[in-house]
N, C-alpha and C. Protein backbone atom coordinates (compact mmCIF):
# COMPACT_ATOMS: atom_id res chain seq x y z
N MET A 1 45.38 145.80 17.70
CA MET A 1 46.69 146.36 17.93
C MET A 1 46.70 147.19 19.21
N ALA A 2 45.60 147.82 19.51
CA ALA A 2 45.51 148.64 20.71
C ALA A 2 45.68 147.77 21.96
N ARG A 3 45.15 146.60 21.91
CA ARG A 3 45.25 145.70 23.06
C ARG A 3 46.70 145.28 23.30
N LEU A 4 47.44 145.00 22.25
CA LEU A 4 48.83 144.58 22.38
C LEU A 4 49.70 145.68 22.97
N SER A 5 49.51 146.89 22.56
CA SER A 5 50.34 147.98 23.09
C SER A 5 50.04 148.23 24.56
N VAL A 6 48.82 148.04 24.99
CA VAL A 6 48.47 148.20 26.40
C VAL A 6 49.16 147.11 27.23
N THR A 7 49.17 145.91 26.71
CA THR A 7 49.81 144.80 27.41
C THR A 7 51.31 145.04 27.53
N MET A 8 51.92 145.49 26.48
CA MET A 8 53.36 145.69 26.50
C MET A 8 53.75 146.84 27.42
N GLU A 9 52.89 147.80 27.61
CA GLU A 9 53.21 148.91 28.49
C GLU A 9 53.19 148.48 29.96
N THR A 10 52.49 147.41 30.27
CA THR A 10 52.43 146.97 31.67
C THR A 10 53.58 146.04 32.06
N ILE A 11 54.38 145.62 31.10
CA ILE A 11 55.52 144.77 31.43
C ILE A 11 56.63 145.64 32.00
N HIS A 12 57.13 145.22 33.13
CA HIS A 12 58.19 145.98 33.79
C HIS A 12 59.53 145.66 33.14
N ALA A 13 60.28 146.66 32.84
CA ALA A 13 61.56 146.49 32.18
C ALA A 13 62.57 145.80 33.09
N GLY A 14 62.39 145.88 34.35
CA GLY A 14 63.23 145.18 35.31
C GLY A 14 64.70 145.54 35.23
N ARG A 15 65.12 146.44 36.04
CA ARG A 15 66.54 146.74 36.08
C ARG A 15 67.11 146.15 37.37
N ARG A 16 68.40 146.01 37.40
CA ARG A 16 69.05 145.44 38.58
C ARG A 16 68.87 146.34 39.77
N ARG A 17 68.44 145.75 40.84
CA ARG A 17 68.34 146.52 42.07
C ARG A 17 69.66 146.42 42.79
N SER A 18 70.05 147.46 43.42
CA SER A 18 71.28 147.37 44.20
C SER A 18 70.88 147.07 45.64
N LEU A 19 71.35 145.96 46.12
CA LEU A 19 71.03 145.52 47.48
C LEU A 19 72.18 145.90 48.40
N PRO A 20 71.87 146.16 49.65
CA PRO A 20 72.96 146.44 50.59
C PRO A 20 73.76 145.17 50.83
N PRO A 21 75.01 145.29 51.26
CA PRO A 21 75.82 144.10 51.50
C PRO A 21 75.24 143.27 52.65
N VAL A 22 75.54 141.99 52.62
CA VAL A 22 75.09 141.09 53.67
C VAL A 22 75.81 141.46 54.96
N PRO A 23 75.06 141.65 56.04
CA PRO A 23 75.73 142.02 57.29
C PRO A 23 76.64 140.91 57.78
N ARG A 24 77.76 141.28 58.36
CA ARG A 24 78.72 140.31 58.88
C ARG A 24 78.27 139.86 60.26
N THR A 25 78.57 138.61 60.56
CA THR A 25 78.22 138.09 61.88
C THR A 25 79.23 138.59 62.89
N ALA A 26 78.99 138.32 64.15
CA ALA A 26 79.89 138.79 65.21
C ALA A 26 81.28 138.21 65.05
N ILE A 27 81.38 136.91 64.69
CA ILE A 27 82.70 136.31 64.53
C ILE A 27 83.42 136.90 63.33
N ASP A 28 82.65 137.23 62.28
CA ASP A 28 83.27 137.82 61.09
C ASP A 28 83.74 139.24 61.36
N GLY A 29 83.00 139.98 62.18
CA GLY A 29 83.35 141.37 62.45
C GLY A 29 84.65 141.51 63.21
N ALA A 30 85.01 140.52 64.01
CA ALA A 30 86.24 140.59 64.80
C ALA A 30 87.47 140.19 63.99
N MET A 31 87.28 139.63 62.82
CA MET A 31 88.40 139.14 62.01
C MET A 31 88.61 140.02 60.79
N PRO A 32 89.85 140.07 60.31
CA PRO A 32 90.08 140.75 59.04
C PRO A 32 89.34 140.03 57.92
N LEU A 33 89.01 140.76 56.89
CA LEU A 33 88.23 140.20 55.80
C LEU A 33 88.92 139.01 55.14
N GLU A 34 90.25 139.00 55.12
CA GLU A 34 90.99 137.92 54.46
C GLU A 34 90.79 136.57 55.16
N THR A 35 90.58 136.59 56.45
CA THR A 35 90.48 135.33 57.19
C THR A 35 89.05 134.85 57.38
N VAL A 36 88.08 135.63 56.93
CA VAL A 36 86.69 135.23 57.12
C VAL A 36 86.39 133.92 56.41
N ALA A 37 86.94 133.74 55.20
CA ALA A 37 86.67 132.51 54.44
C ALA A 37 87.23 131.29 55.15
N SER A 38 88.40 131.43 55.77
CA SER A 38 88.99 130.27 56.44
C SER A 38 88.43 130.06 57.84
N ALA A 39 87.67 131.01 58.35
CA ALA A 39 87.11 130.86 59.69
C ALA A 39 86.14 129.70 59.76
N GLY A 40 85.38 129.50 58.69
CA GLY A 40 84.44 128.38 58.67
C GLY A 40 85.15 127.05 58.71
N ALA A 41 86.25 126.95 57.95
CA ALA A 41 87.03 125.72 57.95
C ALA A 41 87.66 125.48 59.32
N LEU A 42 88.13 126.54 59.95
CA LEU A 42 88.72 126.41 61.28
C LEU A 42 87.68 125.97 62.29
N ALA A 43 86.49 126.55 62.21
CA ALA A 43 85.43 126.16 63.13
C ALA A 43 85.06 124.70 62.96
N LEU A 44 85.02 124.23 61.71
CA LEU A 44 84.71 122.82 61.48
C LEU A 44 85.80 121.91 62.01
N ALA A 45 87.05 122.36 61.92
CA ALA A 45 88.16 121.55 62.42
C ALA A 45 88.15 121.45 63.94
N LEU A 46 87.65 122.48 64.61
CA LEU A 46 87.66 122.49 66.06
C LEU A 46 86.46 121.77 66.67
N VAL A 47 85.43 121.54 65.88
CA VAL A 47 84.23 120.87 66.38
C VAL A 47 84.54 119.40 66.63
N GLN A 48 84.14 118.93 67.78
CA GLN A 48 84.34 117.52 68.12
C GLN A 48 83.34 116.67 67.34
N PRO A 49 83.72 115.49 66.88
CA PRO A 49 82.76 114.64 66.19
C PRO A 49 81.63 114.23 67.13
N ASP A 50 80.50 113.89 66.55
CA ASP A 50 79.34 113.51 67.35
C ASP A 50 79.63 112.29 68.22
N ALA A 51 80.26 111.30 67.63
CA ALA A 51 80.57 110.08 68.38
C ALA A 51 82.04 109.75 68.16
N PRO A 52 82.77 109.53 69.23
CA PRO A 52 84.18 109.20 69.05
C PRO A 52 84.34 107.85 68.34
N MET A 53 85.45 107.71 67.64
CA MET A 53 85.72 106.48 66.90
C MET A 53 86.10 105.38 67.90
N ASP A 54 85.47 104.24 67.79
CA ASP A 54 85.79 103.15 68.71
C ASP A 54 86.95 102.32 68.15
N ASP A 55 87.41 101.36 68.94
CA ASP A 55 88.58 100.56 68.56
C ASP A 55 88.36 99.77 67.28
N ALA A 56 87.15 99.26 67.08
CA ALA A 56 86.87 98.49 65.86
C ALA A 56 86.97 99.37 64.62
N GLN A 57 86.45 100.60 64.72
CA GLN A 57 86.55 101.53 63.59
C GLN A 57 88.00 101.90 63.31
N ARG A 58 88.78 102.11 64.38
CA ARG A 58 90.20 102.42 64.22
C ARG A 58 90.94 101.25 63.57
N PHE A 59 90.58 100.04 63.96
CA PHE A 59 91.20 98.84 63.40
C PHE A 59 90.97 98.79 61.89
N VAL A 60 89.73 98.97 61.47
CA VAL A 60 89.38 98.93 60.05
C VAL A 60 90.05 100.08 59.30
N THR A 61 90.01 101.27 59.86
CA THR A 61 90.64 102.43 59.22
C THR A 61 92.14 102.23 59.07
N GLY A 62 92.77 101.66 60.09
CA GLY A 62 94.21 101.40 60.03
C GLY A 62 94.57 100.42 58.93
N LEU A 63 93.77 99.36 58.78
CA LEU A 63 94.03 98.39 57.71
C LEU A 63 93.81 99.00 56.34
N ARG A 64 92.74 99.77 56.20
CA ARG A 64 92.47 100.39 54.89
C ARG A 64 93.56 101.39 54.52
N SER A 65 94.07 102.11 55.48
CA SER A 65 95.12 103.08 55.18
C SER A 65 96.47 102.42 54.92
N ALA A 66 96.61 101.16 55.26
CA ALA A 66 97.87 100.44 55.01
C ALA A 66 97.94 99.85 53.61
N ALA A 67 96.97 100.12 52.76
CA ALA A 67 96.93 99.53 51.42
C ALA A 67 98.18 99.86 50.61
N THR A 68 98.68 101.09 50.71
CA THR A 68 99.89 101.44 49.95
C THR A 68 101.10 100.66 50.45
N GLU A 69 101.15 100.41 51.75
CA GLU A 69 102.25 99.59 52.30
C GLU A 69 102.14 98.16 51.80
N PHE A 70 100.92 97.65 51.69
CA PHE A 70 100.73 96.30 51.17
C PHE A 70 101.18 96.22 49.71
N ALA A 71 100.86 97.23 48.92
CA ALA A 71 101.28 97.25 47.52
C ALA A 71 102.80 97.28 47.41
N ALA A 72 103.43 98.10 48.23
CA ALA A 72 104.90 98.19 48.20
C ALA A 72 105.53 96.87 48.62
N ALA A 73 104.99 96.23 49.65
CA ALA A 73 105.54 94.96 50.12
C ALA A 73 105.40 93.87 49.07
N ALA A 74 104.31 93.89 48.32
CA ALA A 74 104.06 92.86 47.31
C ALA A 74 104.72 93.18 45.98
N GLY A 75 105.26 94.39 45.85
CA GLY A 75 105.83 94.80 44.57
C GLY A 75 104.76 95.08 43.53
N ALA A 76 103.58 95.43 43.99
CA ALA A 76 102.45 95.71 43.09
C ALA A 76 102.34 97.20 42.83
N GLU A 77 101.62 97.53 41.78
CA GLU A 77 101.40 98.93 41.44
C GLU A 77 100.41 99.59 42.39
N SER A 78 99.38 98.84 42.77
CA SER A 78 98.38 99.38 43.70
C SER A 78 97.75 98.24 44.50
N ALA A 79 97.14 98.62 45.60
CA ALA A 79 96.43 97.66 46.44
C ALA A 79 95.19 98.33 47.01
N VAL A 80 94.15 97.54 47.18
CA VAL A 80 92.91 98.02 47.78
C VAL A 80 92.51 97.02 48.85
N VAL A 81 92.18 97.52 50.02
CA VAL A 81 91.65 96.65 51.08
C VAL A 81 90.14 96.60 50.86
N ARG A 82 89.68 95.50 50.29
CA ARG A 82 88.26 95.36 49.93
C ARG A 82 87.39 95.04 51.14
N GLU A 83 87.97 94.36 52.11
CA GLU A 83 87.20 93.98 53.30
C GLU A 83 88.13 94.02 54.49
N ALA A 84 87.66 94.56 55.58
CA ALA A 84 88.42 94.57 56.83
C ALA A 84 87.43 94.33 57.96
N VAL A 85 87.68 93.27 58.72
CA VAL A 85 86.80 92.90 59.83
C VAL A 85 87.65 92.85 61.09
N PRO A 86 87.30 93.63 62.10
CA PRO A 86 88.09 93.60 63.33
C PRO A 86 87.86 92.31 64.11
N PRO A 87 88.82 91.92 64.92
CA PRO A 87 88.63 90.71 65.73
C PRO A 87 87.67 90.97 66.88
N ALA A 88 87.15 89.90 67.42
CA ALA A 88 86.29 89.97 68.60
C ALA A 88 86.50 88.67 69.39
N ARG A 89 85.81 88.55 70.52
CA ARG A 89 85.95 87.33 71.32
C ARG A 89 85.56 86.10 70.53
N HIS A 90 84.59 86.25 69.65
CA HIS A 90 84.03 85.12 68.92
C HIS A 90 84.41 85.11 67.44
N ARG A 91 85.24 86.06 67.00
CA ARG A 91 85.50 86.20 65.57
C ARG A 91 86.96 86.56 65.32
N ARG A 92 87.52 85.94 64.28
CA ARG A 92 88.89 86.24 63.89
C ARG A 92 88.91 87.51 63.05
N ALA A 93 90.02 88.20 63.08
CA ALA A 93 90.21 89.35 62.20
C ALA A 93 90.32 88.86 60.77
N ARG A 94 89.77 89.64 59.84
CA ARG A 94 89.85 89.28 58.41
C ARG A 94 90.25 90.52 57.63
N CYS A 95 90.99 90.29 56.57
CA CYS A 95 91.36 91.38 55.68
C CYS A 95 91.48 90.82 54.27
N ARG A 96 90.78 91.42 53.34
CA ARG A 96 90.85 91.00 51.94
C ARG A 96 91.56 92.10 51.17
N VAL A 97 92.67 91.74 50.54
CA VAL A 97 93.49 92.70 49.80
C VAL A 97 93.49 92.30 48.32
N VAL A 98 93.25 93.28 47.46
CA VAL A 98 93.32 93.06 46.02
C VAL A 98 94.49 93.87 45.50
N LEU A 99 95.46 93.17 44.90
CA LEU A 99 96.67 93.80 44.37
C LEU A 99 96.60 93.86 42.85
N ARG A 100 97.08 94.96 42.29
CA ARG A 100 97.17 95.08 40.83
C ARG A 100 98.63 95.36 40.48
N SER A 101 99.20 94.47 39.66
CA SER A 101 100.59 94.63 39.27
C SER A 101 100.68 95.54 38.05
N ALA A 102 101.90 95.91 37.68
CA ALA A 102 102.11 96.83 36.56
C ALA A 102 101.62 96.24 35.24
N ASP A 103 101.65 94.91 35.10
CA ASP A 103 101.20 94.29 33.85
C ASP A 103 99.68 94.06 33.83
N GLY A 104 98.98 94.52 34.87
CA GLY A 104 97.52 94.41 34.90
C GLY A 104 97.00 93.18 35.61
N GLU A 105 97.88 92.30 36.05
CA GLU A 105 97.44 91.09 36.76
C GLU A 105 96.86 91.47 38.12
N VAL A 106 95.75 90.84 38.48
CA VAL A 106 95.08 91.12 39.74
C VAL A 106 95.20 89.90 40.64
N THR A 107 95.61 90.12 41.88
CA THR A 107 95.72 89.06 42.88
C THR A 107 94.79 89.42 44.03
N ASP A 108 93.95 88.48 44.40
CA ASP A 108 92.97 88.69 45.46
C ASP A 108 93.31 87.72 46.59
N VAL A 109 93.69 88.25 47.75
CA VAL A 109 94.10 87.42 48.88
C VAL A 109 93.30 87.81 50.12
N THR A 110 92.83 86.81 50.84
CA THR A 110 92.13 87.05 52.11
C THR A 110 93.01 86.52 53.24
N PHE A 111 93.12 87.32 54.29
CA PHE A 111 93.94 86.96 55.45
C PHE A 111 93.03 86.78 56.65
N ALA A 112 93.35 85.79 57.48
CA ALA A 112 92.64 85.56 58.73
C ALA A 112 93.64 85.75 59.86
N GLY A 113 93.24 86.52 60.85
CA GLY A 113 94.11 86.78 61.99
C GLY A 113 93.61 86.06 63.22
N ALA A 114 94.02 86.55 64.34
CA ALA A 114 93.67 85.92 65.61
C ALA A 114 92.35 86.47 66.15
N VAL A 115 91.78 85.73 67.08
CA VAL A 115 90.61 86.18 67.83
C VAL A 115 91.14 87.09 68.93
N GLY A 116 90.40 88.12 69.27
CA GLY A 116 90.86 89.01 70.34
C GLY A 116 90.11 90.32 70.34
N THR A 117 90.80 91.35 70.77
CA THR A 117 90.20 92.68 70.80
C THR A 117 90.81 93.54 69.70
N PRO A 118 90.04 94.48 69.17
CA PRO A 118 90.54 95.32 68.08
C PRO A 118 91.37 96.51 68.57
N SER A 119 92.44 96.24 69.27
CA SER A 119 93.28 97.32 69.79
C SER A 119 94.23 97.82 68.70
N ALA A 120 94.87 98.94 68.98
CA ALA A 120 95.84 99.51 68.04
C ALA A 120 97.02 98.57 67.86
N VAL A 121 97.43 97.90 68.92
CA VAL A 121 98.54 96.95 68.84
C VAL A 121 98.17 95.77 67.95
N ALA A 122 96.95 95.25 68.12
CA ALA A 122 96.49 94.12 67.29
C ALA A 122 96.41 94.52 65.83
N GLN A 123 95.94 95.75 65.56
CA GLN A 123 95.83 96.22 64.17
C GLN A 123 97.19 96.35 63.53
N SER A 124 98.13 96.96 64.22
CA SER A 124 99.45 97.14 63.62
C SER A 124 100.17 95.81 63.45
N ALA A 125 99.98 94.87 64.39
CA ALA A 125 100.60 93.55 64.25
C ALA A 125 99.99 92.79 63.07
N PHE A 126 98.68 92.88 62.90
CA PHE A 126 97.99 92.22 61.79
C PHE A 126 98.46 92.82 60.46
N ALA A 127 98.51 94.14 60.39
CA ALA A 127 98.97 94.81 59.16
C ALA A 127 100.42 94.47 58.86
N LEU A 128 101.25 94.39 59.88
CA LEU A 128 102.66 94.04 59.69
C LEU A 128 102.80 92.61 59.19
N ASP A 129 102.02 91.69 59.75
CA ASP A 129 102.06 90.30 59.28
C ASP A 129 101.60 90.18 57.83
N ILE A 130 100.58 90.95 57.45
CA ILE A 130 100.13 90.94 56.06
C ILE A 130 101.25 91.43 55.15
N ALA A 131 101.87 92.55 55.51
CA ALA A 131 102.95 93.10 54.69
C ALA A 131 104.13 92.13 54.61
N ARG A 132 104.45 91.47 55.72
CA ARG A 132 105.57 90.51 55.72
C ARG A 132 105.24 89.30 54.85
N TRP A 133 104.00 88.82 54.91
CA TRP A 133 103.62 87.69 54.07
C TRP A 133 103.67 88.08 52.60
N LEU A 134 103.16 89.26 52.27
CA LEU A 134 103.19 89.72 50.88
C LEU A 134 104.62 89.89 50.38
N GLY A 135 105.50 90.37 51.26
CA GLY A 135 106.89 90.59 50.88
C GLY A 135 107.72 89.33 50.82
N SER A 136 107.23 88.24 51.41
CA SER A 136 108.01 87.00 51.45
C SER A 136 107.76 86.10 50.25
N GLY A 137 107.07 86.59 49.25
CA GLY A 137 106.86 85.80 48.04
C GLY A 137 105.46 85.25 47.88
N GLN A 138 104.59 85.48 48.84
CA GLN A 138 103.19 85.07 48.76
C GLN A 138 103.02 83.56 48.55
N VAL A 139 103.85 82.78 49.22
CA VAL A 139 103.77 81.33 49.12
C VAL A 139 102.53 80.84 49.84
N ARG A 140 101.80 79.98 49.17
CA ARG A 140 100.58 79.41 49.76
C ARG A 140 100.85 77.95 50.12
N ASP A 141 101.05 77.70 51.39
CA ASP A 141 101.32 76.36 51.89
C ASP A 141 100.06 75.86 52.60
N ALA A 142 99.76 74.59 52.41
CA ALA A 142 98.55 74.01 53.02
C ALA A 142 98.56 74.13 54.54
N ALA A 143 99.75 74.26 55.13
CA ALA A 143 99.85 74.34 56.59
C ALA A 143 99.21 75.62 57.13
N TRP A 144 99.19 76.68 56.35
CA TRP A 144 98.60 77.91 56.86
C TRP A 144 97.45 78.45 56.00
N LEU A 145 96.91 77.60 55.14
CA LEU A 145 95.70 77.97 54.40
C LEU A 145 94.49 77.36 55.10
N VAL A 146 93.44 78.14 55.23
CA VAL A 146 92.21 77.67 55.86
C VAL A 146 91.05 77.86 54.89
N ALA A 147 90.08 76.95 54.99
CA ALA A 147 88.89 77.07 54.13
C ALA A 147 88.09 78.29 54.56
N ASP A 148 87.67 79.06 53.57
CA ASP A 148 86.90 80.27 53.83
C ASP A 148 85.95 80.48 52.66
N ALA A 149 84.67 80.24 52.89
CA ALA A 149 83.69 80.33 51.81
C ALA A 149 83.57 81.73 51.24
N ASP A 150 83.85 82.76 52.03
CA ASP A 150 83.73 84.14 51.56
C ASP A 150 84.97 84.64 50.83
N ALA A 151 86.07 83.91 50.93
CA ALA A 151 87.32 84.36 50.31
C ALA A 151 87.35 84.00 48.83
N HIS A 152 88.09 84.78 48.06
CA HIS A 152 88.29 84.49 46.65
C HIS A 152 89.09 83.18 46.55
N GLY A 153 88.59 82.22 45.82
CA GLY A 153 89.26 80.93 45.72
C GLY A 153 88.91 79.97 46.84
N GLY A 154 88.13 80.41 47.82
CA GLY A 154 87.68 79.53 48.89
C GLY A 154 88.67 79.30 50.01
N THR A 155 89.85 79.95 49.97
CA THR A 155 90.83 79.79 51.04
C THR A 155 91.35 81.15 51.49
N ALA A 156 91.79 81.18 52.73
CA ALA A 156 92.39 82.38 53.31
C ALA A 156 93.73 82.00 53.92
N VAL A 157 94.63 82.96 53.99
CA VAL A 157 95.93 82.75 54.62
C VAL A 157 95.76 82.98 56.11
N ASP A 158 96.03 81.95 56.92
CA ASP A 158 95.93 82.05 58.37
C ASP A 158 97.24 82.60 58.90
N LEU A 159 97.26 83.89 59.20
CA LEU A 159 98.50 84.52 59.64
C LEU A 159 98.93 84.09 61.03
N SER A 160 97.99 83.59 61.84
CA SER A 160 98.39 83.11 63.16
C SER A 160 99.12 81.78 63.06
N ALA A 161 98.93 81.03 61.97
CA ALA A 161 99.64 79.77 61.75
C ALA A 161 100.89 79.96 60.89
N TRP A 162 100.95 81.07 60.16
CA TRP A 162 102.10 81.33 59.28
C TRP A 162 103.29 81.77 60.11
N ASN A 163 104.42 81.17 59.84
CA ASN A 163 105.64 81.52 60.55
C ASN A 163 106.56 82.25 59.59
N PRO A 164 106.84 83.53 59.80
CA PRO A 164 107.68 84.26 58.86
C PRO A 164 109.10 83.72 58.76
N GLY A 165 109.53 82.93 59.70
CA GLY A 165 110.88 82.39 59.66
C GLY A 165 111.01 81.17 58.76
N SER A 166 109.88 80.59 58.35
CA SER A 166 109.95 79.37 57.55
C SER A 166 110.04 79.65 56.07
């Protein structure tokens, strides 16, 4: 018993230490306390990205952000751009859109665009053609369907051959 009491006497009861406050940085010292929390967010917003976004990235981002417009044009509840490939000298633009209607039906359509450069004009024209095709009843005519092994069903809608007036 003597050994146990000696051991227990050496255990520190441990009370909370009061530490001094964390010193404020120079940027924090010049600002009121209320804005210190938002200063970090502001600094992050002002920092330039490491690498600027190139035209191909803008093309893909523009198509992906147009998904709600595609859903509205098709009369669907939602749409997701599953694949977006910018055009190049040797490659046609591609966009795969999956639509979900209110009754749960899923439609998977792949679109093929023109060969060219991934400019903002090309992206908006491609997105507009997709929305117009979706809004025109989604008719699949052999005249503007092309074989595409990567597309759902093995065919893609060739928007460069599709005439919205027909």
